[in-house]
Amino acid sequence: QSNTDQTHFSSSGTATYIPPTMEAHSAGGQAAPKRVLIVGAGAAGTAAAWSMSRPEHAGKFDVHVWEAASVNGGVATTTRLPNGAEINDGVQGGSVAYRNTLLIHKDLGFDPVPVHMKVSFGLKESSWNNHGADKETELVRRLRNDIAKFGRVLRTINKWEKVFILVPISRVLKMWNFSQDFGDKMIYPLTALFFGTGNQTPHVSSAIIARVFLDPDMRLFDYDNERLLSQTPEMFAFRKLGEIYAAFSDKCPGVTWCHNRPVQSIVRGTMLP
């Protein structure tokens, strides 16, 4: 540890990291590798570590990754059930439009499993799905006008994307006077499924939602003006995420992975306690 970069551990095992405030130099006068701490070994943290450990960055970075859990993966890990079976929890897969994800998996030696995406939302009178005309529900029939109008609104949003990128989907639903049921039972659940946004779903950019249906590179579904969704698009399911993340971390030479190490605080400045 340099005198400008220290890590302090508490009795509980958590840690305080004090980052460098000036560039360190080696004995030969050359700039030493920049010390980098990545908090979290989920998809973003692992990708950042991998990027800084690529051959073109050799010798530039000294990367440490701190992960509170015992394995990499964040919200996408593999869990062993009491009967011995292993399942992926959290994120299950993605769209074939996720080209970078597919390329990385191929590089790691994993071929995701092709699937066709069937979705079903709600129960009884609030239910709807993308299983075809013969499975159309009462909710879809009742909200047919809203569905057709939303298709027109999406085209407007796509045309004026630079404006609507700052407009959340909740504001759009109010601006065009959509029914409460259309937002609560169709648009919000569908958006949460696409982006995993939970209770922040009303704040998702309307322009991003329009891209899901209209952007040639991001499109997951063709919008159906009668049923909203009527296709079962080709998607992919991940292989065992635990094995994928283990292989991913092995592809990060020089990176130090620290598990069971949550961050307690980050103290900025040159004055140490």
C-alpha atoms as a PDB file:
ATOM      1  CA  GLN A   1       0.000   0.000   0.000  1.00  0.00           C
ATOM      2  CA  SER A   2       1.227   3.503  -0.785  1.00  0.00           C
ATOM      3  CA  ASN A   3       0.809   6.328   1.695  1.00  0.00           C
ATOM      4  CA  THR A   4      -1.985   7.713  -0.457  1.00  0.00           C
ATOM      5  CA  ASP A   5      -3.943   4.487  -0.928  1.00  0.00           C
ATOM      6  CA  GLN A   6      -4.968   2.387   2.048  1.00  0.00           C
ATOM      7  CA  THR A   7      -7.576  -0.192   2.919  1.00  0.00           C
ATOM      8  CA  HIS A   8      -8.885  -0.429   6.472  1.00  0.00           C
ATOM      9  CA  PHE A   9     -10.806  -3.455   7.758  1.00  0.00           C
ATOM     10  CA  SER A  10     -13.248  -3.313  10.623  1.00  0.00           C
ATOM     11  CA  SER A  11     -13.760  -6.077  13.158  1.00  0.00           C
ATOM     12  CA  SER A  12     -16.892  -7.152  11.277  1.00  0.00           C
ATOM     13  CA  GLY A  13     -14.877  -7.997   8.164  1.00  0.00           C
ATOM     14  CA  THR A  14     -16.158  -5.083   6.105  1.00  0.00           C
ATOM     15  CA  ALA A  15     -13.666  -2.659   4.661  1.00  0.00           C
ATOM     16  CA  THR A  16     -12.927   0.977   4.060  1.00  0.00           C
ATOM     17  CA  TYR A  17     -10.969   1.815   0.904  1.00  0.00           C
ATOM     18  CA  ILE A  18      -9.041   5.079   0.661  1.00  0.00           C
ATOM     19  CA  PRO A  19      -8.203   5.665  -3.014  1.00  0.00           C
ATOM     20  CA  PRO A  20      -5.018   7.309  -4.343  1.00  0.00           C
ATOM     21  CA  THR A  21      -5.038  11.055  -4.824  1.00  0.00           C
ATOM     22  CA  MET A  22      -1.767  11.329  -6.756  1.00  0.00           C
ATOM     23  CA  GLU A  23      -0.066   9.227  -9.434  1.00  0.00           C
ATOM     24  CA  ALA A  24       2.411   6.746  -8.001  1.00  0.00           C
ATOM     25  CA  HIS A  25       5.724   6.152  -9.783  1.00  0.00           C
ATOM     26  CA  SER A  26       8.012   3.198  -9.965  1.00  0.00           C
ATOM     27  CA  ALA A  27      11.673   3.330  -8.971  1.00  0.00           C
ATOM     28  CA  GLY A  28      12.640   3.931 -12.589  1.00  0.00           C
ATOM     29  CA  GLY A  29      10.533   7.048 -12.799  1.00  0.00           C
ATOM     30  CA  GLN A  30       7.888   5.453 -15.023  1.00  0.00           C
ATOM     31  CA  ALA A  31       4.241   5.758 -14.128  1.00  0.00           C
ATOM     32  CA  ALA A  32       3.147   2.754 -12.099  1.00  0.00           C
ATOM     33  CA  PRO A  33      -0.074   0.956 -13.050  1.00  0.00           C
ATOM     34  CA  LYS A  34      -3.138   2.957 -12.064  1.00  0.00           C
ATOM     35  CA  ARG A  35      -4.799   1.283  -9.097  1.00  0.00           C
ATOM     36  CA  VAL A  36      -8.482   0.612  -9.728  1.00  0.00           C
ATOM     37  CA  LEU A  37     -11.079  -0.702  -7.301  1.00  0.00           C
ATOM     38  CA  ILE A  38     -14.291  -2.098  -8.814  1.00  0.00           C
ATOM     39  CA  VAL A  39     -17.133  -2.570  -6.350  1.00  0.00           C
ATOM     40  CA  GLY A  40     -19.343  -5.492  -7.308  1.00  0.00           C
ATOM     41  CA  ALA A  41     -18.659  -8.513  -9.530  1.00  0.00           C
ATOM     42  CA  GLY A  42     -21.923  -8.547 -11.433  1.00  0.00           C
ATOM     43  CA  ALA A  43     -22.183  -8.072 -15.191  1.00  0.00           C
ATOM     44  CA  ALA A  44     -20.960  -4.456 -15.146  1.00  0.00           C
ATOM     45  CA  GLY A  45     -18.116  -5.008 -12.679  1.00  0.00           C
ATOM     46  CA  THR A  46     -16.877  -8.146 -14.408  1.00  0.00           C
ATOM     47  CA  ALA A  47     -17.046  -6.489 -17.829  1.00  0.00           C
ATOM     48  CA  ALA A  48     -15.077  -3.488 -16.518  1.00  0.00           C
ATOM     49  CA  ALA A  49     -12.382  -5.769 -15.078  1.00  0.00           C
ATOM     50  CA  TRP A  50     -12.210  -7.716 -18.338  1.00  0.00           C
ATOM     51  CA  SER A  51     -11.891  -4.516 -20.383  1.00  0.00           C
ATOM     52  CA  MET A  52      -8.969  -3.228 -18.300  1.00  0.00           C
ATOM     53  CA  SER A  53      -7.188  -6.599 -18.402  1.00  0.00           C
ATOM     54  CA  ARG A  54      -7.175  -6.927 -22.188  1.00  0.00           C
ATOM     55  CA  PRO A  55      -3.739  -7.236 -23.857  1.00  0.00           C
ATOM     56  CA  GLU A  56      -3.775  -3.686 -25.217  1.00  0.00           C
ATOM     57  CA  HIS A  57      -3.949  -2.400 -21.622  1.00  0.00           C
ATOM     58  CA  ALA A  58      -1.183  -4.626 -20.242  1.00  0.00           C
ATOM     59  CA  GLY A  59       0.686  -2.877 -17.428  1.00  0.00           C
ATOM     60  CA  LYS A  60      -1.692   0.096 -17.300  1.00  0.00           C
ATOM     61  CA  PHE A  61      -3.984  -1.003 -14.473  1.00  0.00           C
ATOM     62  CA  ASP A  62      -3.785  -2.835 -11.148  1.00  0.00           C
ATOM     63  CA  VAL A  63      -7.401  -3.959 -10.769  1.00  0.00           C
ATOM     64  CA  HIS A  64      -9.067  -5.268  -7.617  1.00  0.00           C
ATOM     65  CA  VAL A  65     -12.725  -6.334  -7.562  1.00  0.00           C
ATOM     66  CA  TRP A  66     -14.592  -6.451  -4.257  1.00  0.00           C
ATOM     67  CA  GLU A  67     -17.752  -8.540  -4.153  1.00  0.00           C
ATOM     68  CA  ALA A  68     -19.981  -8.860  -1.077  1.00  0.00           C
ATOM     69  CA  ALA A  69     -21.183 -12.331  -2.107  1.00  0.00           C
ATOM     70  CA  SER A  70     -19.120 -15.519  -2.252  1.00  0.00           C
ATOM     71  CA  VAL A  71     -19.254 -15.743  -6.065  1.00  0.00           C
ATOM     72  CA  ASN A  72     -19.351 -13.447  -9.075  1.00  0.00           C
ATOM     73  CA  GLY A  73     -22.653 -12.764 -10.802  1.00  0.00           C
ATOM     74  CA  GLY A  74     -24.578 -10.078  -8.941  1.00  0.00           C
ATOM     75  CA  VAL A  75     -28.265 -10.626  -9.750  1.00  0.00           C
ATOM     76  CA  ALA A  76     -27.468 -13.451 -12.182  1.00  0.00           C
ATOM     77  CA  THR A  77     -26.082 -16.517 -10.421  1.00  0.00           C
ATOM     78  CA  THR A  78     -26.545 -20.291 -10.260  1.00  0.00           C
ATOM     79  CA  THR A  79     -28.264 -21.805  -7.218  1.00  0.00           C
ATOM     80  CA  ARG A  80     -28.151 -25.432  -6.109  1.00  0.00           C
ATOM     81  CA  LEU A  81     -31.516 -26.741  -4.889  1.00  0.00           C
ATOM     82  CA  PRO A  82     -31.920 -29.202  -1.979  1.00  0.00           C
ATOM     83  CA  ASN A  83     -32.442 -32.036  -4.485  1.00  0.00           C
ATOM     84  CA  GLY A  84     -29.085 -31.269  -6.102  1.00  0.00           C
ATOM     85  CA  ALA A  85     -30.444 -29.630  -9.236  1.00  0.00           C
ATOM     86  CA  GLU A  86     -28.893 -26.341 -10.329  1.00  0.00           C
ATOM     87  CA  ILE A  87     -30.903 -23.425 -11.681  1.00  0.00           C
ATOM     88  CA  ASN A  88     -30.100 -19.899 -12.791  1.00  0.00           C
ATOM     89  CA  ASP A  89     -31.744 -17.257 -10.620  1.00  0.00           C
ATOM     90  CA  GLY A  90     -32.273 -13.628 -11.534  1.00  0.00           C
ATOM     91  CA  VAL A  91     -31.529 -12.891 -15.187  1.00  0.00           C
ATOM     92  CA  GLN A  92     -32.340 -15.908 -17.359  1.00  0.00           C
ATOM     93  CA  GLY A  93     -31.321 -14.903 -20.865  1.00  0.00           C
ATOM     94  CA  GLY A  94     -31.824 -12.215 -23.467  1.00  0.00           C
ATOM     95  CA  SER A  95     -32.572 -11.178 -27.015  1.00  0.00           C
ATOM     96  CA  VAL A  96     -30.615 -12.232 -30.076  1.00  0.00           C
ATOM     97  CA  ALA A  97     -30.060  -8.492 -30.542  1.00  0.00           C
ATOM     98  CA  TYR A  98     -27.601  -8.618 -27.610  1.00  0.00           C
ATOM     99  CA  ARG A  99     -24.697  -9.253 -29.961  1.00  0.00           C
ATOM    100  CA  ASN A 100     -21.892  -8.368 -27.547  1.00  0.00           C
ATOM    101  CA  THR A 101     -23.248 -10.769 -24.937  1.00  0.00           C
ATOM    102  CA  LEU A 102     -23.427 -13.559 -27.489  1.00  0.00           C
ATOM    103  CA  LEU A 103     -19.901 -12.840 -28.752  1.00  0.00           C
ATOM    104  CA  ILE A 104     -18.472 -12.939 -25.219  1.00  0.00           C
ATOM    105  CA  HIS A 105     -20.250 -16.219 -24.492  1.00  0.00           C
ATOM    106  CA  LYS A 106     -18.860 -17.710 -27.691  1.00  0.00           C
ATOM    107  CA  ASP A 107     -15.369 -16.526 -26.755  1.00  0.00           C
ATOM    108  CA  LEU A 108     -15.759 -18.216 -23.353  1.00  0.00           C
ATOM    109  CA  GLY A 109     -16.900 -21.471 -24.964  1.00  0.00           C
ATOM    110  CA  PHE A 110     -20.611 -21.276 -24.093  1.00  0.00           C
ATOM    111  CA  ASP A 111     -23.462 -21.501 -26.584  1.00  0.00           C
ATOM    112  CA  PRO A 112     -26.711 -20.082 -25.135  1.00  0.00           C
ATOM    113  CA  VAL A 113     -29.847 -22.177 -25.630  1.00  0.00           C
ATOM    114  CA  PRO A 114     -32.297 -20.859 -28.277  1.00  0.00           C
ATOM    115  CA  VAL A 115     -35.844 -20.401 -26.955  1.00  0.00           C
ATOM    116  CA  HIS A 116     -39.044 -18.735 -28.075  1.00  0.00           C
ATOM    117  CA  MET A 117     -40.302 -16.207 -25.592  1.00  0.00           C
ATOM    118  CA  LYS A 118     -43.812 -16.765 -24.284  1.00  0.00           C
ATOM    119  CA  VAL A 119     -45.048 -14.330 -21.654  1.00  0.00           C
ATOM    120  CA  SER A 120     -48.161 -14.198 -19.515  1.00  0.00           C
ATOM    121  CA  PHE A 121     -49.197 -11.426 -17.152  1.00  0.00           C
ATOM    122  CA  GLY A 122     -51.854 -11.112 -14.458  1.00  0.00           C
ATOM    123  CA  LEU A 123     -54.634 -13.387 -13.300  1.00  0.00           C
ATOM    124  CA  LYS A 124     -58.234 -13.939 -14.381  1.00  0.00           C
ATOM    125  CA  GLU A 125     -59.775 -10.681 -15.672  1.00  0.00           C
ATOM    126  CA  SER A 126     -56.361  -8.943 -15.526  1.00  0.00           C
ATOM    127  CA  SER A 127     -54.498 -11.572 -17.548  1.00  0.00           C
ATOM    128  CA  TRP A 128     -53.003 -11.269 -21.021  1.00  0.00           C
ATOM    129  CA  ASN A 129     -50.295 -12.986 -23.056  1.00  0.00           C
ATOM    130  CA  ASN A 130     -48.567 -13.288 -26.421  1.00  0.00           C
ATOM    131  CA  HIS A 131     -49.768 -16.831 -27.127  1.00  0.00           C
ATOM    132  CA  GLY A 132     -51.832 -15.998 -30.221  1.00  0.00           C
ATOM    133  CA  ALA A 133     -55.359 -15.018 -31.243  1.00  0.00           C
ATOM    134  CA  ASP A 134     -56.938 -18.168 -29.819  1.00  0.00           C
ATOM    135  CA  LYS A 135     -55.577 -17.239 -26.366  1.00  0.00           C
ATOM    136  CA  GLU A 136     -56.733 -13.617 -26.457  1.00  0.00           C
ATOM    137  CA  THR A 137     -58.127 -12.465 -23.117  1.00  0.00           C
ATOM    138  CA  GLU A 138     -60.937 -10.191 -21.999  1.00  0.00           C
ATOM    139  CA  LEU A 139     -58.461  -7.521 -20.869  1.00  0.00           C
ATOM    140  CA  VAL A 140     -57.009  -7.257 -24.381  1.00  0.00           C
ATOM    141  CA  ARG A 141     -60.466  -6.980 -25.927  1.00  0.00           C
ATOM    142  CA  ARG A 142     -61.484  -4.310 -23.419  1.00  0.00           C
ATOM    143  CA  LEU A 143     -58.326  -2.240 -23.990  1.00  0.00           C
ATOM    144  CA  ARG A 144     -58.270  -2.612 -27.787  1.00  0.00           C
ATOM    145  CA  ASN A 145     -58.585   1.140 -28.406  1.00  0.00           C
ATOM    146  CA  ASP A 146     -55.728   1.937 -26.019  1.00  0.00           C
ATOM    147  CA  ILE A 147     -53.558  -0.694 -27.712  1.00  0.00           C
ATOM    148  CA  ALA A 148     -54.159   0.781 -31.172  1.00  0.00           C
ATOM    149  CA  LYS A 149     -53.530   4.325 -29.914  1.00  0.00           C
ATOM    150  CA  PHE A 150     -50.309   3.303 -28.171  1.00  0.00           C
ATOM    151  CA  GLY A 151     -48.974   1.969 -31.463  1.00  0.00           C
ATOM    152  CA  ARG A 152     -49.485   5.409 -33.040  1.00  0.00           C
ATOM    153  CA  VAL A 153     -47.894   7.113 -30.039  1.00  0.00           C
ATOM    154  CA  LEU A 154     -44.825   4.875 -30.283  1.00  0.00           C
ATOM    155  CA  ARG A 155     -44.291   5.975 -33.874  1.00  0.00           C
ATOM    156  CA  THR A 156     -44.506   9.621 -32.787  1.00  0.00           C
ATOM    157  CA  ILE A 157     -42.011   8.999 -29.983  1.00  0.00           C
ATOM    158  CA  ASN A 158     -39.646   7.258 -32.379  1.00  0.00           C
ATOM    159  CA  LYS A 159     -39.842  10.157 -34.840  1.00  0.00           C
ATOM    160  CA  TRP A 160     -39.036  12.714 -32.118  1.00  0.00           C
ATOM    161  CA  GLU A 161     -36.690  10.517 -30.113  1.00  0.00           C
ATOM    162  CA  LYS A 162     -34.301  13.311 -29.113  1.00  0.00           C
ATOM    163  CA  VAL A 163     -37.182  14.985 -27.281  1.00  0.00           C
ATOM    164  CA  PHE A 164     -38.798  11.892 -25.807  1.00  0.00           C
ATOM    165  CA  ILE A 165     -35.564  10.402 -24.498  1.00  0.00           C
ATOM    166  CA  LEU A 166     -36.144  12.673 -21.470  1.00  0.00           C
ATOM    167  CA  VAL A 167     -39.861  11.902 -21.132  1.00  0.00           C
ATOM    168  CA  PRO A 168     -40.733   8.945 -18.851  1.00  0.00           C
ATOM    169  CA  ILE A 169     -43.361   6.465 -19.931  1.00  0.00           C
ATOM    170  CA  SER A 170     -45.641   7.548 -17.048  1.00  0.00           C
ATOM    171  CA  ARG A 171     -45.772  11.088 -18.487  1.00  0.00           C
ATOM    172  CA  VAL A 172     -46.584   9.759 -21.961  1.00  0.00           C
ATOM    173  CA  LEU A 173     -49.495   7.705 -20.634  1.00  0.00           C
ATOM    174  CA  LYS A 174     -50.914  10.823 -18.971  1.00  0.00           C
ATOM    175  CA  MET A 175     -50.253  13.135 -21.938  1.00  0.00           C
ATOM    176  CA  TRP A 176     -52.259  10.901 -24.291  1.00  0.00           C
ATOM    177  CA  ASN A 177     -54.913  10.091 -21.698  1.00  0.00           C
ATOM    178  CA  PHE A 178     -54.481   6.320 -21.621  1.00  0.00           C
ATOM    179  CA  SER A 179     -56.614   4.370 -19.170  1.00  0.00           C
ATOM    180  CA  GLN A 180     -55.250   3.427 -15.768  1.00  0.00           C
ATOM    181  CA  ASP A 181     -55.671  -0.265 -16.535  1.00  0.00           C
ATOM    182  CA  PHE A 182     -53.665   0.006 -19.744  1.00  0.00           C
ATOM    183  CA  GLY A 183     -50.700   1.436 -17.889  1.00  0.00           C
ATOM    184  CA  ASP A 184     -50.928  -0.686 -14.750  1.00  0.00           C
ATOM    185  CA  LYS A 185     -51.827  -4.028 -16.318  1.00  0.00           C
ATOM    186  CA  MET A 186     -50.103  -3.939 -19.691  1.00  0.00           C
ATOM    187  CA  ILE A 187     -47.403  -1.293 -20.225  1.00  0.00           C
ATOM    188  CA  TYR A 188     -45.753  -1.249 -16.791  1.00  0.00           C
ATOM    189  CA  PRO A 189     -45.540  -5.062 -16.407  1.00  0.00           C
ATOM    190  CA  LEU A 190     -44.186  -5.408 -19.939  1.00  0.00           C
ATOM    191  CA  THR A 191     -41.584  -2.674 -19.395  1.00  0.00           C
ATOM    192  CA  ALA A 192     -40.496  -4.217 -16.087  1.00  0.00           C
ATOM    193  CA  LEU A 193     -40.029  -7.547 -17.869  1.00  0.00           C
ATOM    194  CA  PHE A 194     -37.895  -5.974 -20.605  1.00  0.00           C
ATOM    195  CA  PHE A 195     -35.647  -3.923 -18.365  1.00  0.00           C
ATOM    196  CA  GLY A 196     -35.902  -5.416 -14.862  1.00  0.00           C
ATOM    197  CA  THR A 197     -36.786  -1.978 -13.458  1.00  0.00           C
ATOM    198  CA  GLY A 198     -39.134  -2.962 -10.631  1.00  0.00           C
ATOM    199  CA  ASN A 199     -40.795  -0.024  -8.894  1.00  0.00           C
ATOM    200  CA  GLN A 200     -38.776   2.410 -11.050  1.00  0.00           C
ATOM    201  CA  THR A 201     -40.641   1.286 -14.169  1.00  0.00           C
ATOM    202  CA  PRO A 202     -42.793   4.456 -14.507  1.00  0.00           C
ATOM    203  CA  HIS A 203     -39.552   6.449 -14.895  1.00  0.00           C
ATOM    204  CA  VAL A 204     -38.191   4.470 -17.860  1.00  0.00           C
ATOM    205  CA  SER A 205     -37.614   6.629 -20.933  1.00  0.00           C
ATOM    206  CA  SER A 206     -40.462   6.399 -23.434  1.00  0.00           C
ATOM    207  CA  ALA A 207     -37.917   6.544 -26.268  1.00  0.00           C
ATOM    208  CA  ILE A 208     -36.247   3.361 -25.014  1.00  0.00           C
ATOM    209  CA  ILE A 209     -39.608   1.584 -24.884  1.00  0.00           C
ATOM    210  CA  ALA A 210     -40.352   2.693 -28.453  1.00  0.00           C
ATOM    211  CA  ARG A 211     -37.056   1.161 -29.560  1.00  0.00           C
ATOM    212  CA  VAL A 212     -38.122  -2.239 -28.234  1.00  0.00           C
ATOM    213  CA  PHE A 213     -40.785  -2.285 -30.960  1.00  0.00           C
ATOM    214  CA  LEU A 214     -39.400  -0.034 -33.709  1.00  0.00           C
ATOM    215  CA  ASP A 215     -35.593   0.051 -33.676  1.00  0.00           C
ATOM    216  CA  PRO A 216     -34.112  -2.410 -36.222  1.00  0.00           C
ATOM    217  CA  ASP A 217     -31.188  -3.200 -33.908  1.00  0.00           C
ATOM    218  CA  MET A 218     -33.068  -3.397 -30.589  1.00  0.00           C
ATOM    219  CA  ARG A 219     -36.502  -4.633 -31.604  1.00  0.00           C
ATOM    220  CA  LEU A 220     -37.810  -7.585 -29.624  1.00  0.00           C
ATOM    221  CA  PHE A 221     -41.382  -7.614 -30.942  1.00  0.00           C
ATOM    222  CA  ASP A 222     -43.345  -6.227 -33.868  1.00  0.00           C
ATOM    223  CA  TYR A 223     -46.099  -4.115 -32.327  1.00  0.00           C
ATOM    224  CA  ASP A 224     -49.569  -5.621 -32.799  1.00  0.00           C
ATOM    225  CA  ASN A 225     -52.215  -2.887 -33.014  1.00  0.00           C
ATOM    226  CA  GLU A 226     -54.911  -5.316 -31.879  1.00  0.00           C
ATOM    227  CA  ARG A 227     -53.225  -7.365 -29.144  1.00  0.00           C
ATOM    228  CA  LEU A 228     -50.010  -5.376 -28.379  1.00  0.00           C
ATOM    229  CA  LEU A 229     -48.013  -8.628 -28.435  1.00  0.00           C
ATOM    230  CA  SER A 230     -48.796 -11.572 -30.671  1.00  0.00           C
ATOM    231  CA  GLN A 231     -45.374 -13.049 -31.441  1.00  0.00           C
ATOM    232  CA  THR A 232     -43.128 -15.461 -29.597  1.00  0.00           C
ATOM    233  CA  PRO A 233     -39.744 -14.038 -30.692  1.00  0.00           C
ATOM    234  CA  GLU A 234     -36.505 -15.979 -30.735  1.00  0.00           C
ATOM    235  CA  MET A 235     -34.492 -15.382 -27.572  1.00  0.00           C
ATOM    236  CA  PHE A 236     -31.733 -17.257 -25.753  1.00  0.00           C
ATOM    237  CA  ALA A 237     -31.367 -18.764 -22.299  1.00  0.00           C
ATOM    238  CA  PHE A 238     -28.050 -18.792 -20.449  1.00  0.00           C
ATOM    239  CA  ARG A 239     -26.128 -21.926 -19.611  1.00  0.00           C
ATOM    240  CA  LYS A 240     -25.072 -22.259 -15.961  1.00  0.00           C
ATOM    241  CA  LEU A 241     -24.236 -18.705 -14.919  1.00  0.00           C
ATOM    242  CA  GLY A 242     -21.851 -19.869 -12.204  1.00  0.00           C
ATOM    243  CA  GLU A 243     -19.681 -21.590 -14.819  1.00  0.00           C
ATOM    244  CA  ILE A 244     -19.924 -18.632 -17.197  1.00  0.00           C
ATOM    245  CA  TYR A 245     -18.763 -16.131 -14.574  1.00  0.00           C
ATOM    246  CA  ALA A 246     -15.962 -18.449 -13.447  1.00  0.00           C
ATOM    247  CA  ALA A 247     -14.718 -18.659 -17.039  1.00  0.00           C
ATOM    248  CA  PHE A 248     -15.139 -14.906 -17.450  1.00  0.00           C
ATOM    249  CA  SER A 249     -12.989 -14.147 -14.388  1.00  0.00           C
ATOM    250  CA  ASP A 250     -10.331 -16.572 -15.654  1.00  0.00           C
ATOM    251  CA  LYS A 251     -10.130 -14.412 -18.811  1.00  0.00           C
ATOM    252  CA  CYS A 252      -9.056 -11.398 -16.726  1.00  0.00           C
ATOM    253  CA  PRO A 253      -5.280 -11.808 -16.174  1.00  0.00           C
ATOM    254  CA  GLY A 254      -3.836  -9.776 -13.339  1.00  0.00           C
ATOM    255  CA  VAL A 255      -7.201  -8.947 -11.768  1.00  0.00           C
ATOM    256  CA  THR A 256      -7.530  -9.661  -8.030  1.00  0.00           C
ATOM    257  CA  TRP A 257     -10.999 -10.960  -7.076  1.00  0.00           C
ATOM    258  CA  CYS A 258     -12.024 -10.485  -3.427  1.00  0.00           C
ATOM    259  CA  HIS A 259     -15.245 -12.224  -2.358  1.00  0.00           C
ATOM    260  CA  ASN A 260     -17.222 -11.840   0.867  1.00  0.00           C
ATOM    261  CA  ARG A 261     -15.879  -8.302   1.040  1.00  0.00           C
ATOM    262  CA  PRO A 262     -18.559  -5.592   1.205  1.00  0.00           C
ATOM    263  CA  VAL A 263     -17.505  -1.961   1.127  1.00  0.00           C
ATOM    264  CA  GLN A 264     -18.109  -0.027   4.314  1.00  0.00           C
ATOM    265  CA  SER A 265     -17.100   3.443   3.149  1.00  0.00           C
ATOM    266  CA  ILE A 266     -14.924   5.350   0.718  1.00  0.00           C
ATOM    267  CA  VAL A 267     -12.881   8.214   2.167  1.00  0.00           C
ATOM    268  CA  ARG A 268     -11.520  10.782  -0.274  1.00  0.00           C
ATOM    269  CA  GLY A 269      -8.493  12.946   0.470  1.00  0.00           C
ATOM    270  CA  THR A 270      -4.875  12.691   1.507  1.00  0.00           C
ATOM    271  CA  MET A 271      -5.368  12.874   5.279  1.00  0.00           C
ATOM    272  CA  LEU A 272      -5.468   9.364   6.727  1.00  0.00           C
ATOM    273  CA  PRO A 273      -6.828   8.456  10.170  1.00  0.00           C
END
